[in-house]
Protein backbone atom coordinates (compact mmCIF):
# COMPACT_ATOMS: atom_id res chain seq x y z
CA MET A 1 33.38 4.13 -32.50
CA THR A 2 32.11 7.45 -33.79
CA PRO A 3 29.19 9.22 -32.09
CA LEU A 4 27.04 8.45 -35.15
CA ASP A 5 27.89 4.74 -34.94
CA GLN A 6 27.16 4.78 -31.22
CA ALA A 7 23.78 6.45 -31.84
CA LYS A 8 22.89 3.82 -34.48
CA ASN A 9 23.92 1.06 -32.08
CA GLU A 10 21.79 2.52 -29.28
CA LYS A 11 18.84 2.79 -31.68
CA ARG A 12 19.18 -0.91 -32.59
CA ILE A 13 19.40 -1.88 -28.91
CA HIS A 14 16.30 0.20 -28.15
CA GLU A 15 14.38 -1.43 -31.02
CA LEU A 16 15.44 -4.87 -29.75
CA PHE A 17 14.26 -3.85 -26.27
CA GLU A 18 10.85 -2.80 -27.60
CA ILE A 19 10.42 -5.97 -29.69
CA SER A 20 11.46 -8.19 -26.77
CA VAL A 21 9.11 -6.43 -24.36
CA MET A 22 6.25 -6.73 -26.87
CA LEU A 23 6.97 -10.46 -27.27
CA LYS A 24 6.90 -10.82 -23.49
CA GLY A 25 3.61 -8.93 -23.49
CA ALA A 26 2.11 -11.21 -26.15
CA GLY A 27 3.16 -14.24 -24.11
CA ALA A 28 1.64 -12.68 -21.00
CA ALA A 29 -1.65 -12.04 -22.80
CA LEU A 30 -1.73 -15.65 -24.01
CA GLU A 31 -0.98 -16.92 -20.49
CA SER A 32 -3.80 -14.80 -19.10
CA LEU A 33 -6.26 -16.00 -21.74
CA VAL A 34 -5.39 -19.65 -21.10
CA GLY A 35 -5.72 -19.01 -17.35
CA ILE A 36 -9.20 -17.55 -17.85
CA LEU A 37 -10.13 -20.45 -20.14
CA LEU A 38 -9.01 -22.97 -17.52
CA LEU A 39 -11.26 -21.29 -14.95
CA PHE A 40 -14.38 -21.92 -17.03
CA VAL A 41 -13.71 -25.04 -19.12
CA ASN A 42 -13.40 -28.66 -17.98
CA VAL A 43 -10.26 -29.64 -19.87
CA GLY A 44 -10.44 -33.30 -18.81
CA ALA A 45 -13.92 -33.69 -20.31
CA ILE A 46 -12.87 -32.00 -23.55
CA LEU A 47 -9.80 -34.24 -23.87
CA ASP A 48 -11.91 -37.33 -23.21
CA THR A 49 -14.35 -36.25 -25.92
CA LEU A 50 -11.55 -35.57 -28.41
CA VAL A 51 -9.95 -39.01 -28.03
CA ALA A 52 -13.12 -41.11 -27.61
CA ASN A 53 -13.61 -41.81 -31.32
CA GLU A 54 -9.94 -42.61 -31.83
CA LEU A 55 -10.01 -45.11 -28.97
CA ILE A 56 -13.11 -46.78 -30.45
CA ASP A 57 -11.22 -47.24 -33.74
CA ASP A 58 -7.96 -48.27 -32.08
CA PRO A 59 -8.04 -48.92 -28.30
CA ASN A 60 -4.20 -49.09 -28.26
CA ASP A 61 -3.57 -45.75 -30.03
CA PHE A 62 -0.41 -44.40 -28.41
CA ILE A 63 -1.33 -40.70 -28.38
CA ALA A 64 -5.01 -41.20 -27.51
CA THR A 65 -4.22 -43.51 -24.57
CA HIS A 66 -1.68 -41.01 -23.21
CA VAL A 67 -4.10 -38.11 -23.60
CA GLN A 68 -6.80 -40.15 -21.84
CA SER A 69 -4.38 -41.00 -19.03
CA PHE A 70 -3.44 -37.32 -18.67
CA ALA A 71 -7.12 -36.32 -18.59
CA ALA A 72 -7.85 -38.92 -15.92
CA HIS A 73 -5.17 -37.44 -13.65
CA LEU A 74 -6.25 -33.84 -14.25
CA THR A 75 -8.14 -32.96 -11.09
CA THR A 76 -10.29 -29.91 -10.48
CA GLN A 77 -7.68 -28.68 -7.99
CA THR A 78 -4.86 -29.10 -10.53
CA GLN A 79 -6.82 -27.22 -13.16
CA LEU A 80 -7.70 -24.43 -10.70
CA PHE A 81 -4.06 -24.10 -9.61
CA SER A 82 -2.95 -23.98 -13.26
CA ALA A 83 -5.58 -21.37 -14.07
CA LEU A 84 -4.65 -19.12 -11.14
CA TYR A 85 -0.93 -19.58 -11.77
CA LEU A 86 -1.20 -18.66 -15.46
CA LEU A 87 -3.60 -15.80 -14.82
CA SER A 88 -1.52 -14.22 -12.04
CA HIS A 89 1.76 -14.80 -13.92
CA GLY A 90 0.30 -13.26 -17.06
CA LEU A 91 -1.29 -10.27 -15.34
CA VAL A 92 1.92 -9.40 -13.48
CA LYS A 93 3.84 -9.45 -16.76
CA ILE A 94 1.15 -7.38 -18.53
CA VAL A 95 1.46 -4.67 -15.87
CA LEU A 96 5.26 -4.70 -16.14
CA VAL A 97 5.19 -4.63 -19.95
CA TRP A 98 2.77 -1.68 -19.85
CA GLY A 99 5.10 0.08 -17.39
CA LEU A 100 8.16 -0.50 -19.57
CA LEU A 101 6.50 0.57 -22.81
CA THR A 102 5.14 3.75 -21.18
CA LYS A 103 8.53 4.46 -19.54
CA ARG A 104 7.34 4.27 -15.93
CA LEU A 105 10.47 4.51 -13.81
CA TRP A 106 9.26 1.91 -11.25
CA ALA A 107 8.76 -0.69 -14.00
CA TYR A 108 12.46 -1.09 -14.83
CA PRO A 109 13.72 -2.34 -11.44
CA ALA A 110 10.43 -4.16 -10.78
CA SER A 111 10.73 -6.01 -14.10
CA ILE A 112 14.31 -7.00 -13.38
CA VAL A 113 13.36 -8.39 -9.96
CA VAL A 114 10.31 -10.26 -11.25
CA LEU A 115 12.20 -11.71 -14.23
CA ALA A 116 15.05 -12.77 -11.93
CA LEU A 117 12.53 -14.63 -9.74
CA PHE A 118 10.99 -16.27 -12.83
CA ILE A 119 14.48 -17.27 -14.00
CA LEU A 120 15.26 -18.81 -10.62
CA TYR A 121 12.07 -20.90 -10.84
CA GLN A 122 12.82 -21.81 -14.48
CA VAL A 123 16.33 -22.98 -13.62
CA VAL A 124 15.00 -25.20 -10.83
CA LYS A 125 12.42 -26.65 -13.25
CA TRP A 126 15.09 -27.04 -15.96
CA LEU A 127 17.27 -29.03 -13.56
CA GLN A 128 14.32 -31.42 -13.13
CA THR A 129 13.19 -31.62 -16.76
CA HIS A 130 16.09 -30.52 -19.01
CA SER A 131 13.47 -28.94 -21.27
CA ILE A 132 14.95 -27.17 -24.30
CA MET A 133 12.02 -24.72 -24.37
CA LEU A 134 12.60 -23.82 -20.73
CA ALA A 135 16.30 -23.27 -21.42
CA LEU A 136 15.46 -21.01 -24.39
CA LEU A 137 12.91 -19.07 -22.32
CA THR A 138 15.52 -18.58 -19.59
CA ILE A 139 18.08 -17.31 -22.11
CA PHE A 140 15.45 -14.92 -23.54
CA ASP A 141 14.62 -13.66 -20.04
CA LEU A 142 18.31 -13.13 -19.23
CA ALA A 143 18.75 -11.12 -22.43
CA LEU A 144 15.61 -9.14 -21.59
CA ILE A 145 16.99 -8.31 -18.14
CA TRP A 146 20.13 -6.92 -19.79
CA LEU A 147 18.02 -4.87 -22.24
CA ILE A 148 15.86 -3.51 -19.40
CA TRP A 149 18.94 -2.60 -17.37
CA HIS A 150 20.49 -0.90 -20.41
CA GLU A 151 17.30 1.12 -21.10
CA TYR A 152 16.98 2.01 -17.41
CA ARG A 153 20.53 3.38 -17.31
CA LEU A 154 19.92 5.47 -20.46
CA TYR A 155 16.57 6.72 -19.18
CA LYS A 156 18.10 7.76 -15.83
CA LYS A 157 21.00 9.49 -17.64
CA MET A 158 18.53 11.41 -19.85
CA GLN A 159 16.63 12.51 -16.73
CA ARG A 160 19.85 13.67 -15.04
CA ASP A 161 20.96 15.53 -18.19
CA ALA A 162 17.55 17.21 -18.46
CA LEU A 163 17.72 18.36 -14.84
CA ALA A 164 21.27 19.64 -15.30
CA SER A 165 20.30 21.86 -18.25
């Protein structure tokens, strides 16, 4: 591989890193917004309102009866836990994404550790649910860890080279 080819390859990897980190940031922002929403909105009441007319028309409607059942089991404590979980999860990722995009040295190893912990949790949940979305998220997070590690190594090398000259 020529030096020019290697430089093009590194540029593509860096672009993929930036896109992946921005996607993670968008997901984190969405998580945080949903967490905030769950703090202030009674989801059970909204779901009941949404399915009420459908159940009047058809009391045996499959989707409406399942939504109503879900809403009935959604306690205030469950909603609060979900809100705090999503909000904290999202805010941690927002801070890490900011750190990565602004090239803060601490953000690289911190992001790897946090993503590894998220992956561990996701694998445990996947073993219980076999969710395709959870498997895809885990694969994305594994790829992101590799990209972060790759960027971290390059960033450290650039710092060493700058100090040496």
